[in-house]
Amino acid sequence: MSKQISLIIPTYGRYGEVEKLLKTLTEQNCGKDDFEVIIVDQNDKIDLAPVTSKYTDKLNLVHCKISVKGIANAKNKGLELSTAPIVTFPDDDCTYYPDTITSALSFLKAHPEVDVAYGRLYDRETKQNIMRDWPKGDKPVTIFNFHYTYSAVTAFIRKNDIRFDTDFGVGSSYGIGEELDYLLQTFKLKLNSYYTPAIDIWHPQLNPDVMNPEKVYYYAKGYGAICKKHLSPVMFLTFLMSNFFQILQMIKALFLFNTPLAKKRWLALKGRVVGFYSFK
């Protein structure tokens, strides 16, 4: 039976998290042969072989070591190795629920017009949204609403010719951005992207409240650079609104005497501006 989906997992600097993810993949309620797992390993200090060797009989697992750092490069390598018509890119610190893969496949099967399906980051144990307040119903993902309808971790993509820009993402000069750049490329190619709450994935909370200041700055820098790369009236307005939001959050934090959070919001604003004006 041919594989229906490739899970491409770029990883660097994590061990226990990778094992947890692989364990949840063995618990999927679909068949083992429905999917393949491609670990693109950029580690130069951690040896993942003891972990991956545990799962070679339980999963269709490819463990690929590469020397070039950068998440965008790793994702592109995974695309080269992929043999399935649908691809997804789990973070190496996320975990899947038993029905994550079947939910994605079912949605794409029921909606052949959809090129990219985005799910939500959700904690089923606490019944809480992760990262943002996700919409409760299906929605098309557009240039006007992508801020609250997409997460790269939850993207299930029918294969296409788009590749990730290696100037962006962890390991590059810009801390993030390769996934947003990918999404904006799909808009330019008029691919059909949809959000659905039917697909759930767990991920550690990720926002300025819990991120360290350095990460806040570099993530913001990547966002600003992406806004510049895809500059249009809509993206420039989006950039301005994002900056205004950070200013409001900074004022709120100061009003609550939360100086560390106010500093992070300042760094989020500064990073956006620096990224926008430094990108050529």
C-alpha atoms as a PDB file:
ATOM      1  CA  MET A   1       0.000   0.000   0.000  1.00  0.00           C
ATOM      2  CA  SER A   2       1.417   3.393  -0.978  1.00  0.00           C
ATOM      3  CA  LYS A   3       1.976   5.960   1.731  1.00  0.00           C
ATOM      4  CA  GLN A   4      -0.516   8.799   1.897  1.00  0.00           C
ATOM      5  CA  ILE A   5       1.462  11.326   3.897  1.00  0.00           C
ATOM      6  CA  SER A   6       5.065  12.230   4.752  1.00  0.00           C
ATOM      7  CA  LEU A   7       5.857  13.679   8.164  1.00  0.00           C
ATOM      8  CA  ILE A   8       9.047  15.722   7.770  1.00  0.00           C
ATOM      9  CA  ILE A   9      10.652  16.527  11.131  1.00  0.00           C
ATOM     10  CA  PRO A  10      13.652  18.879  11.107  1.00  0.00           C
ATOM     11  CA  THR A  11      15.446  18.650  14.436  1.00  0.00           C
ATOM     12  CA  TYR A  12      18.355  20.194  16.273  1.00  0.00           C
ATOM     13  CA  GLY A  13      19.246  20.165  19.959  1.00  0.00           C
ATOM     14  CA  ARG A  14      16.364  17.995  21.182  1.00  0.00           C
ATOM     15  CA  TYR A  15      16.342  14.364  22.310  1.00  0.00           C
ATOM     16  CA  GLY A  16      13.540  13.552  24.748  1.00  0.00           C
ATOM     17  CA  GLU A  17      11.061  15.675  22.803  1.00  0.00           C
ATOM     18  CA  VAL A  18      11.776  13.745  19.608  1.00  0.00           C
ATOM     19  CA  GLU A  19      11.181  10.454  21.401  1.00  0.00           C
ATOM     20  CA  LYS A  20       7.841  11.707  22.765  1.00  0.00           C
ATOM     21  CA  LEU A  21       6.738  12.730  19.285  1.00  0.00           C
ATOM     22  CA  LEU A  22       7.727   9.382  17.774  1.00  0.00           C
ATOM     23  CA  LYS A  23       5.862   7.559  20.517  1.00  0.00           C
ATOM     24  CA  THR A  24       2.657   9.442  19.684  1.00  0.00           C
ATOM     25  CA  LEU A  25       3.133   8.538  16.033  1.00  0.00           C
ATOM     26  CA  THR A  26       3.098   4.836  16.935  1.00  0.00           C
ATOM     27  CA  GLU A  27      -0.294   5.439  18.569  1.00  0.00           C
ATOM     28  CA  GLN A  28      -2.040   6.768  15.461  1.00  0.00           C
ATOM     29  CA  ASN A  29      -5.384   5.156  14.651  1.00  0.00           C
ATOM     30  CA  CYS A  30      -4.407   4.734  11.013  1.00  0.00           C
ATOM     31  CA  GLY A  31      -2.208   2.019   9.564  1.00  0.00           C
ATOM     32  CA  LYS A  32       1.553   2.134   9.874  1.00  0.00           C
ATOM     33  CA  ASP A  33       1.860   2.032   6.093  1.00  0.00           C
ATOM     34  CA  ASP A  34      -0.358   5.097   5.642  1.00  0.00           C
ATOM     35  CA  PHE A  35       2.491   7.431   6.506  1.00  0.00           C
ATOM     36  CA  GLU A  36       6.245   7.814   6.589  1.00  0.00           C
ATOM     37  CA  VAL A  37       8.382   9.719   9.074  1.00  0.00           C
ATOM     38  CA  ILE A  38      11.438  11.576   7.792  1.00  0.00           C
ATOM     39  CA  ILE A  39      13.719  12.953  10.500  1.00  0.00           C
ATOM     40  CA  VAL A  40      16.136  15.515   9.097  1.00  0.00           C
ATOM     41  CA  ASP A  41      18.822  15.581  11.782  1.00  0.00           C
ATOM     42  CA  GLN A  42      21.068  18.656  11.999  1.00  0.00           C
ATOM     43  CA  ASN A  43      22.629  17.731  15.342  1.00  0.00           C
ATOM     44  CA  ASP A  44      26.365  17.980  15.815  1.00  0.00           C
ATOM     45  CA  LYS A  45      26.404  17.178  19.545  1.00  0.00           C
ATOM     46  CA  ILE A  46      23.347  15.005  20.165  1.00  0.00           C
ATOM     47  CA  ASP A  47      23.157  11.457  18.819  1.00  0.00           C
ATOM     48  CA  LEU A  48      19.568  10.575  17.932  1.00  0.00           C
ATOM     49  CA  ALA A  49      20.408   7.052  16.764  1.00  0.00           C
ATOM     50  CA  PRO A  50      19.437   5.413  20.099  1.00  0.00           C
ATOM     51  CA  VAL A  51      16.012   7.024  19.775  1.00  0.00           C
ATOM     52  CA  THR A  52      15.369   6.352  16.109  1.00  0.00           C
ATOM     53  CA  SER A  53      16.576   2.741  16.393  1.00  0.00           C
ATOM     54  CA  LYS A  54      13.722   2.056  18.828  1.00  0.00           C
ATOM     55  CA  TYR A  55      11.162   2.965  16.204  1.00  0.00           C
ATOM     56  CA  THR A  56      12.521   1.567  12.945  1.00  0.00           C
ATOM     57  CA  ASP A  57      10.276  -1.487  13.284  1.00  0.00           C
ATOM     58  CA  LYS A  58       7.271   0.477  14.504  1.00  0.00           C
ATOM     59  CA  LEU A  59       7.281   3.251  11.910  1.00  0.00           C
ATOM     60  CA  ASN A  60       8.279   3.774   8.310  1.00  0.00           C
ATOM     61  CA  LEU A  61      11.186   5.863   9.508  1.00  0.00           C
ATOM     62  CA  VAL A  62      13.964   7.582   7.578  1.00  0.00           C
ATOM     63  CA  HIS A  63      16.735   9.157   9.658  1.00  0.00           C
ATOM     64  CA  CYS A  64      18.686  11.570   7.471  1.00  0.00           C
ATOM     65  CA  LYS A  65      21.764  13.353   8.838  1.00  0.00           C
ATOM     66  CA  ILE A  66      22.739  16.661   7.223  1.00  0.00           C
ATOM     67  CA  SER A  67      25.630  18.986   8.019  1.00  0.00           C
ATOM     68  CA  VAL A  68      24.121  22.258   6.813  1.00  0.00           C
ATOM     69  CA  LYS A  69      22.200  24.036   9.563  1.00  0.00           C
ATOM     70  CA  GLY A  70      18.881  25.800   9.066  1.00  0.00           C
ATOM     71  CA  ILE A  71      15.274  24.658   9.342  1.00  0.00           C
ATOM     72  CA  ALA A  72      14.370  25.796   5.818  1.00  0.00           C
ATOM     73  CA  ASN A  73      17.215  23.744   4.350  1.00  0.00           C
ATOM     74  CA  ALA A  74      16.131  20.749   6.448  1.00  0.00           C
ATOM     75  CA  LYS A  75      12.524  21.034   5.258  1.00  0.00           C
ATOM     76  CA  ASN A  76      13.660  21.209   1.644  1.00  0.00           C
ATOM     77  CA  LYS A  77      15.789  18.091   2.169  1.00  0.00           C
ATOM     78  CA  GLY A  78      12.771  16.325   3.622  1.00  0.00           C
ATOM     79  CA  LEU A  79      10.735  17.261   0.553  1.00  0.00           C
ATOM     80  CA  GLU A  80      13.413  15.668  -1.628  1.00  0.00           C
ATOM     81  CA  LEU A  81      13.131  12.421   0.340  1.00  0.00           C
ATOM     82  CA  SER A  82       9.338  12.400   0.584  1.00  0.00           C
ATOM     83  CA  THR A  83       7.448   9.713  -1.362  1.00  0.00           C
ATOM     84  CA  ALA A  84       3.848  10.604  -0.405  1.00  0.00           C
ATOM     85  CA  PRO A  85       1.440  13.036  -2.115  1.00  0.00           C
ATOM     86  CA  ILE A  86       0.782  14.958   1.120  1.00  0.00           C
ATOM     87  CA  VAL A  87       3.450  16.452   3.389  1.00  0.00           C
ATOM     88  CA  THR A  88       3.473  18.012   6.836  1.00  0.00           C
ATOM     89  CA  PHE A  89       6.192  19.440   9.076  1.00  0.00           C
ATOM     90  CA  PRO A  90       5.742  18.638  12.775  1.00  0.00           C
ATOM     91  CA  ASP A  91       7.935  20.603  15.161  1.00  0.00           C
ATOM     92  CA  ASP A  92      10.323  18.319  17.016  1.00  0.00           C
ATOM     93  CA  ASP A  93       8.731  19.341  20.334  1.00  0.00           C
ATOM     94  CA  CYS A  94       5.084  18.827  19.379  1.00  0.00           C
ATOM     95  CA  THR A  95       3.007  15.676  19.823  1.00  0.00           C
ATOM     96  CA  TYR A  96       0.167  14.178  17.800  1.00  0.00           C
ATOM     97  CA  TYR A  97      -3.156  12.948  19.106  1.00  0.00           C
ATOM     98  CA  PRO A  98      -4.190   9.430  17.993  1.00  0.00           C
ATOM     99  CA  ASP A  99      -6.517  10.856  15.330  1.00  0.00           C
ATOM    100  CA  THR A 100      -4.319  13.709  14.046  1.00  0.00           C
ATOM    101  CA  ILE A 101      -3.259  12.011  10.817  1.00  0.00           C
ATOM    102  CA  THR A 102      -6.642  10.442  10.043  1.00  0.00           C
ATOM    103  CA  SER A 103      -8.374  13.776  10.693  1.00  0.00           C
ATOM    104  CA  ALA A 104      -6.060  15.529   8.223  1.00  0.00           C
ATOM    105  CA  LEU A 105      -6.447  12.833   5.586  1.00  0.00           C
ATOM    106  CA  SER A 106     -10.223  12.763   6.033  1.00  0.00           C
ATOM    107  CA  PHE A 107     -10.500  16.523   5.660  1.00  0.00           C
ATOM    108  CA  LEU A 108      -8.403  16.589   2.496  1.00  0.00           C
ATOM    109  CA  LYS A 109     -10.320  13.643   1.060  1.00  0.00           C
ATOM    110  CA  ALA A 110     -13.641  15.376   1.751  1.00  0.00           C
ATOM    111  CA  HIS A 111     -12.328  18.633   0.257  1.00  0.00           C
ATOM    112  CA  PRO A 112     -10.380  17.841  -2.917  1.00  0.00           C
ATOM    113  CA  GLU A 113     -10.385  21.546  -3.780  1.00  0.00           C
ATOM    114  CA  VAL A 114      -8.202  22.320  -0.729  1.00  0.00           C
ATOM    115  CA  ASP A 115      -4.444  22.415  -1.358  1.00  0.00           C
ATOM    116  CA  VAL A 116      -3.338  23.149   2.208  1.00  0.00           C
ATOM    117  CA  ALA A 117      -5.265  22.228   5.373  1.00  0.00           C
ATOM    118  CA  TYR A 118      -4.355  23.977   8.624  1.00  0.00           C
ATOM    119  CA  GLY A 119      -5.461  22.675  12.002  1.00  0.00           C
ATOM    120  CA  ARG A 120      -5.191  24.106  15.496  1.00  0.00           C
ATOM    121  CA  LEU A 121      -2.757  23.795  18.396  1.00  0.00           C
ATOM    122  CA  TYR A 122      -4.890  22.514  21.217  1.00  0.00           C
ATOM    123  CA  ASP A 123      -4.525  20.905  24.635  1.00  0.00           C
ATOM    124  CA  ARG A 124      -7.251  18.258  24.908  1.00  0.00           C
ATOM    125  CA  GLU A 125      -6.412  17.563  28.540  1.00  0.00           C
ATOM    126  CA  THR A 126      -7.129  21.119  29.677  1.00  0.00           C
ATOM    127  CA  LYS A 127      -9.451  21.910  26.740  1.00  0.00           C
ATOM    128  CA  GLN A 128      -7.458  25.062  26.072  1.00  0.00           C
ATOM    129  CA  ASN A 129      -6.290  26.645  22.844  1.00  0.00           C
ATOM    130  CA  ILE A 130      -2.535  27.009  22.422  1.00  0.00           C
ATOM    131  CA  MET A 131      -0.910  30.099  20.902  1.00  0.00           C
ATOM    132  CA  ARG A 132      -4.158  31.861  19.960  1.00  0.00           C
ATOM    133  CA  ASP A 133      -7.949  31.673  20.147  1.00  0.00           C
ATOM    134  CA  TRP A 134      -8.620  29.423  17.192  1.00  0.00           C
ATOM    135  CA  PRO A 135     -11.867  29.806  15.218  1.00  0.00           C
ATOM    136  CA  LYS A 136     -14.543  27.247  16.071  1.00  0.00           C
ATOM    137  CA  GLY A 137     -15.483  26.523  12.465  1.00  0.00           C
ATOM    138  CA  ASP A 138     -13.831  25.906   9.101  1.00  0.00           C
ATOM    139  CA  LYS A 139     -12.504  29.026   7.376  1.00  0.00           C
ATOM    140  CA  PRO A 140     -10.521  29.798   4.241  1.00  0.00           C
ATOM    141  CA  VAL A 141      -7.050  31.087   5.078  1.00  0.00           C
ATOM    142  CA  THR A 142      -6.483  34.396   3.289  1.00  0.00           C
ATOM    143  CA  ILE A 143      -4.107  37.338   3.243  1.00  0.00           C
ATOM    144  CA  PHE A 144      -6.597  39.125   5.495  1.00  0.00           C
ATOM    145  CA  ASN A 145      -6.988  36.511   8.257  1.00  0.00           C
ATOM    146  CA  PHE A 146      -3.858  34.333   8.311  1.00  0.00           C
ATOM    147  CA  HIS A 147      -2.776  35.745  11.680  1.00  0.00           C
ATOM    148  CA  TYR A 148      -5.489  33.792  13.451  1.00  0.00           C
ATOM    149  CA  THR A 149      -6.099  30.866  11.096  1.00  0.00           C
ATOM    150  CA  TYR A 150      -2.702  29.292  10.474  1.00  0.00           C
ATOM    151  CA  SER A 151       0.118  27.556  12.286  1.00  0.00           C
ATOM    152  CA  ALA A 152       2.950  25.976  10.318  1.00  0.00           C
ATOM    153  CA  VAL A 153       3.019  22.983  12.680  1.00  0.00           C
ATOM    154  CA  THR A 154      -0.518  22.054  11.611  1.00  0.00           C
ATOM    155  CA  ALA A 155      -0.143  22.426   7.841  1.00  0.00           C
ATOM    156  CA  PHE A 156      -1.004  19.377   5.710  1.00  0.00           C
ATOM    157  CA  ILE A 157      -0.008  20.156   2.149  1.00  0.00           C
ATOM    158  CA  ARG A 158      -0.703  18.525  -1.184  1.00  0.00           C
ATOM    159  CA  LYS A 159       2.713  18.408  -2.813  1.00  0.00           C
ATOM    160  CA  ASN A 160       3.618  21.351  -5.034  1.00  0.00           C
ATOM    161  CA  ASP A 161       6.753  23.030  -6.401  1.00  0.00           C
ATOM    162  CA  ILE A 162       7.161  25.572  -3.595  1.00  0.00           C
ATOM    163  CA  ARG A 163      10.353  25.346  -1.574  1.00  0.00           C
ATOM    164  CA  PHE A 164      11.363  27.066   1.649  1.00  0.00           C
ATOM    165  CA  ASP A 165      13.511  30.193   1.470  1.00  0.00           C
ATOM    166  CA  THR A 166      16.773  29.380   3.256  1.00  0.00           C
ATOM    167  CA  ASP A 167      17.286  33.038   4.182  1.00  0.00           C
ATOM    168  CA  PHE A 168      14.586  32.529   6.805  1.00  0.00           C
ATOM    169  CA  GLY A 169      13.892  30.301   9.784  1.00  0.00           C
ATOM    170  CA  VAL A 170      15.871  28.982  12.728  1.00  0.00           C
ATOM    171  CA  GLY A 171      19.550  28.751  11.807  1.00  0.00           C
ATOM    172  CA  SER A 172      19.426  31.725   9.420  1.00  0.00           C
ATOM    173  CA  SER A 173      19.939  35.446   9.940  1.00  0.00           C
ATOM    174  CA  TYR A 174      16.198  35.753  10.557  1.00  0.00           C
ATOM    175  CA  GLY A 175      14.870  33.743  13.498  1.00  0.00           C
ATOM    176  CA  ILE A 176      11.633  32.672  11.843  1.00  0.00           C
ATOM    177  CA  GLY A 177       9.729  33.294   8.661  1.00  0.00           C
ATOM    178  CA  GLU A 178      10.218  30.316   6.376  1.00  0.00           C
ATOM    179  CA  GLU A 179       6.708  29.024   7.138  1.00  0.00           C
ATOM    180  CA  LEU A 180       4.996  32.407   6.666  1.00  0.00           C
ATOM    181  CA  ASP A 181       6.958  32.921   3.459  1.00  0.00           C
ATOM    182  CA  TYR A 182       5.683  29.530   2.288  1.00  0.00           C
ATOM    183  CA  LEU A 183       2.088  30.500   3.073  1.00  0.00           C
ATOM    184  CA  LEU A 184       2.408  33.816   1.229  1.00  0.00           C
ATOM    185  CA  GLN A 185       3.856  31.968  -1.765  1.00  0.00           C
ATOM    186  CA  THR A 186       0.723  29.772  -1.827  1.00  0.00           C
ATOM    187  CA  PHE A 187      -1.409  32.918  -1.975  1.00  0.00           C
ATOM    188  CA  LYS A 188       0.562  34.201  -4.977  1.00  0.00           C
ATOM    189  CA  LEU A 189       0.066  30.864  -6.742  1.00  0.00           C
ATOM    190  CA  LYS A 190      -3.648  30.990  -5.858  1.00  0.00           C
ATOM    191  CA  LEU A 191      -3.520  27.703  -3.962  1.00  0.00           C
ATOM    192  CA  ASN A 192      -6.536  27.036  -1.774  1.00  0.00           C
ATOM    193  CA  SER A 193      -5.754  26.999   1.962  1.00  0.00           C
ATOM    194  CA  TYR A 194      -8.308  26.172   4.653  1.00  0.00           C
ATOM    195  CA  TYR A 195      -8.344  26.138   8.422  1.00  0.00           C
ATOM    196  CA  THR A 196     -10.277  23.455  10.282  1.00  0.00           C
ATOM    197  CA  PRO A 197     -10.587  22.764  14.028  1.00  0.00           C
ATOM    198  CA  ALA A 198     -10.970  19.079  13.143  1.00  0.00           C
ATOM    199  CA  ILE A 199      -7.171  18.671  13.195  1.00  0.00           C
ATOM    200  CA  ASP A 200      -5.561  18.926  16.637  1.00  0.00           C
ATOM    201  CA  ILE A 201      -1.863  18.960  17.529  1.00  0.00           C
ATOM    202  CA  TRP A 202      -0.246  19.667  20.901  1.00  0.00           C
ATOM    203  CA  HIS A 203       2.648  22.093  21.154  1.00  0.00           C
ATOM    204  CA  PRO A 204       4.289  23.914  24.072  1.00  0.00           C
ATOM    205  CA  GLN A 205       2.913  27.411  24.562  1.00  0.00           C
ATOM    206  CA  LEU A 206       4.702  29.934  22.365  1.00  0.00           C
ATOM    207  CA  ASN A 207       4.174  33.660  22.919  1.00  0.00           C
ATOM    208  CA  PRO A 208       6.183  36.584  24.353  1.00  0.00           C
ATOM    209  CA  ASP A 209       4.954  35.745  27.861  1.00  0.00           C
ATOM    210  CA  VAL A 210       6.951  32.496  27.891  1.00  0.00           C
ATOM    211  CA  MET A 211       9.672  33.125  25.287  1.00  0.00           C
ATOM    212  CA  ASN A 212      13.078  34.448  26.276  1.00  0.00           C
ATOM    213  CA  PRO A 213      13.882  38.025  25.147  1.00  0.00           C
ATOM    214  CA  GLU A 214      16.411  36.943  22.510  1.00  0.00           C
ATOM    215  CA  LYS A 215      13.903  34.645  20.848  1.00  0.00           C
ATOM    216  CA  VAL A 216      11.217  37.338  20.948  1.00  0.00           C
ATOM    217  CA  TYR A 217      13.535  39.732  19.107  1.00  0.00           C
ATOM    218  CA  TYR A 218      14.701  37.309  16.428  1.00  0.00           C
ATOM    219  CA  TYR A 219      11.226  35.952  15.779  1.00  0.00           C
ATOM    220  CA  ALA A 220       9.983  39.508  15.354  1.00  0.00           C
ATOM    221  CA  LYS A 221      12.905  40.329  13.060  1.00  0.00           C
ATOM    222  CA  GLY A 222      11.950  37.434  10.788  1.00  0.00           C
ATOM    223  CA  TYR A 223       8.332  38.578  10.705  1.00  0.00           C
ATOM    224  CA  GLY A 224       9.331  42.106   9.726  1.00  0.00           C
ATOM    225  CA  ALA A 225      11.598  40.825   6.951  1.00  0.00           C
ATOM    226  CA  ILE A 226       8.821  38.633   5.542  1.00  0.00           C
ATOM    227  CA  CYS A 227       6.470  41.623   5.468  1.00  0.00           C
ATOM    228  CA  LYS A 228       9.121  43.475   3.443  1.00  0.00           C
ATOM    229  CA  LYS A 229       9.768  40.551   1.085  1.00  0.00           C
ATOM    230  CA  HIS A 230       6.079  40.249   0.257  1.00  0.00           C
ATOM    231  CA  LEU A 231       5.404  43.963   0.429  1.00  0.00           C
ATOM    232  CA  SER A 232       1.987  45.020  -0.818  1.00  0.00           C
ATOM    233  CA  PRO A 233      -0.602  47.472   0.477  1.00  0.00           C
ATOM    234  CA  VAL A 234      -2.226  44.676   2.492  1.00  0.00           C
ATOM    235  CA  MET A 235       1.059  43.403   3.936  1.00  0.00           C
ATOM    236  CA  PHE A 236       2.213  46.914   4.807  1.00  0.00           C
ATOM    237  CA  LEU A 237      -1.063  47.536   6.626  1.00  0.00           C
ATOM    238  CA  THR A 238      -0.633  44.180   8.367  1.00  0.00           C
ATOM    239  CA  PHE A 239       2.888  45.209   9.404  1.00  0.00           C
ATOM    240  CA  LEU A 240       1.633  48.528  10.820  1.00  0.00           C
ATOM    241  CA  MET A 241      -1.243  46.872  12.685  1.00  0.00           C
ATOM    242  CA  SER A 242       1.132  44.306  14.163  1.00  0.00           C
ATOM    243  CA  ASN A 243       3.403  47.080  15.414  1.00  0.00           C
ATOM    244  CA  PHE A 244       0.439  48.957  16.881  1.00  0.00           C
ATOM    245  CA  PHE A 245      -0.627  45.776  18.686  1.00  0.00           C
ATOM    246  CA  GLN A 246       2.834  45.419  20.230  1.00  0.00           C
ATOM    247  CA  ILE A 247       2.719  49.051  21.388  1.00  0.00           C
ATOM    248  CA  LEU A 248      -0.656  48.489  23.033  1.00  0.00           C
ATOM    249  CA  GLN A 249       0.598  45.323  24.733  1.00  0.00           C
ATOM    250  CA  MET A 250       3.691  47.157  25.943  1.00  0.00           C
ATOM    251  CA  ILE A 251       1.575  49.943  27.449  1.00  0.00           C
ATOM    252  CA  LYS A 252      -0.678  47.358  29.088  1.00  0.00           C
ATOM    253  CA  ALA A 253       2.309  45.577  30.623  1.00  0.00           C
ATOM    254  CA  LEU A 254       3.699  48.863  31.950  1.00  0.00           C
ATOM    255  CA  PHE A 255       0.310  49.750  33.425  1.00  0.00           C
ATOM    256  CA  LEU A 256       0.379  46.401  35.261  1.00  0.00           C
ATOM    257  CA  PHE A 257       3.968  47.041  36.404  1.00  0.00           C
ATOM    258  CA  ASN A 258       5.135  43.997  34.451  1.00  0.00           C
ATOM    259  CA  THR A 259       8.494  45.377  33.358  1.00  0.00           C
ATOM    260  CA  PRO A 260       9.918  42.088  31.928  1.00  0.00           C
ATOM    261  CA  LEU A 261       6.879  41.635  29.659  1.00  0.00           C
ATOM    262  CA  ALA A 262       6.955  45.293  28.630  1.00  0.00           C
ATOM    263  CA  LYS A 263      10.607  44.816  27.614  1.00  0.00           C
ATOM    264  CA  LYS A 264       9.685  41.774  25.536  1.00  0.00           C
ATOM    265  CA  ARG A 265       6.939  43.727  23.780  1.00  0.00           C
ATOM    266  CA  TRP A 266       9.461  46.469  23.069  1.00  0.00           C
ATOM    267  CA  LEU A 267      11.828  43.877  21.594  1.00  0.00           C
ATOM    268  CA  ALA A 268       8.947  42.461  19.520  1.00  0.00           C
ATOM    269  CA  LEU A 269       8.335  45.944  18.130  1.00  0.00           C
ATOM    270  CA  LYS A 270      12.022  46.698  17.588  1.00  0.00           C
ATOM    271  CA  GLY A 271      12.643  43.348  15.893  1.00  0.00           C
ATOM    272  CA  ARG A 272       9.797  43.910  13.455  1.00  0.00           C
ATOM    273  CA  VAL A 273      11.107  47.331  12.459  1.00  0.00           C
ATOM    274  CA  VAL A 274      14.723  46.164  12.154  1.00  0.00           C
ATOM    275  CA  GLY A 275      13.699  43.145  10.083  1.00  0.00           C
ATOM    276  CA  PHE A 276      11.547  45.234   7.768  1.00  0.00           C
ATOM    277  CA  TYR A 277      14.179  47.861   7.077  1.00  0.00           C
ATOM    278  CA  SER A 278      17.157  45.506   6.925  1.00  0.00           C
ATOM    279  CA  PHE A 279      15.674  43.121   4.363  1.00  0.00           C
ATOM    280  CA  LYS A 280      16.889  43.804   0.840  1.00  0.00           C
END
